[in-house]
Amino acid sequence: MVDKPVAFVLGGGGVLGAVEVGMLRALFRAGYQPDLVVGTSIGAVNGALVAADPSAEVTDRLVRMWGSPEAREVYGDSMARQVRRFVARTHLHSPRPLRRLLERELGPGRRFDQLPVPFHCCAASIERAAEHWFDEGSVIDAVLASSAVPGLLPPARVAGEHYLDGGIVNSIPIGRAVELGAGTIFVLQVGRIERPLSPPRRPWEVPQVAFEIARRHRFARELAALPPGVTAHVLPAGGEARDDSPLAYRDMAAVGRRISRAYVASRRYLQTLGQE
């Protein structure tokens, strides 16, 4: 038994977000359904589909989406085109492939009030230097804002304001679920918080480590501050080996393995809940 309402909280993490599909499959097969979906970055992409179709069938749809040629196009530009774009602009990739993918999966005109389950997603406002939560208007515009990874995609413009990836300000937003009245929270995270941190040894590891400290600090603080009567379950990602190379965000080859490992690990975890 779980306390209502049940929230699915989906964190950020780029292509590592495939593990969330395995976690979702384990949750639905164990009989858990969301009353609320909260997401950041890739978690907003996965979460929007769940909020639009909060049933076990959505996991099959997510598997197909993650394995589709359209998904590979999101970061699929040639290196030469990336360099030309980065010289003239501030990002490596066009946002158009991701928009097309979302429009195909959700419908181009999908709005928050048309979703069967309430959905909230987080982005970072540039002008206000603040966390911003989308829960009305265009779902696709909101998800694009939440997923605008700095340097990879351009800032997303919504209603005259510019937004970057929500992971900058709130990577695993369990606090939002608490604010919205969740009684039971299932945390779908990409596995980074399960791995030990070590001092950086290469130049690109410096910002990665710094950002990871900030990410984990907020998550740990919000987890420790859960009010009485609220329970959070952090689902395991299945022990996928880390890949911190500069081009790791383009690697879609491990998608199936990540989904399978997360499903097995999360299924085992959820079976222990039934024994309590």
Foldseek 3Di string as FASTA:
>chain_A
DFDPDEEEWEFDDFLLSLLLLLLLLLCQVLPHWHQEYEYFAVSLVLRVLCQQPGHNVSSVVVVCLLPDPLVLQQQPDDPVQQVVCVVVHFARGERVSVLVSSCVRQNNFDWLVNGPHFYKYWWAWPVVRDIDIDGTDGSSLRNSQQNAAGRHYAFRADPNTTTHHRLQPARGPPVVVVVVPGQEYETHYSAPVVDDDDDDDDPLVVVVSVSVVVHVVVVVVSQVPRDPRHYYHYQHQQDDDDDDDPCVSSDSPCSVVSSVRSNVRRNVVVVVVVVD
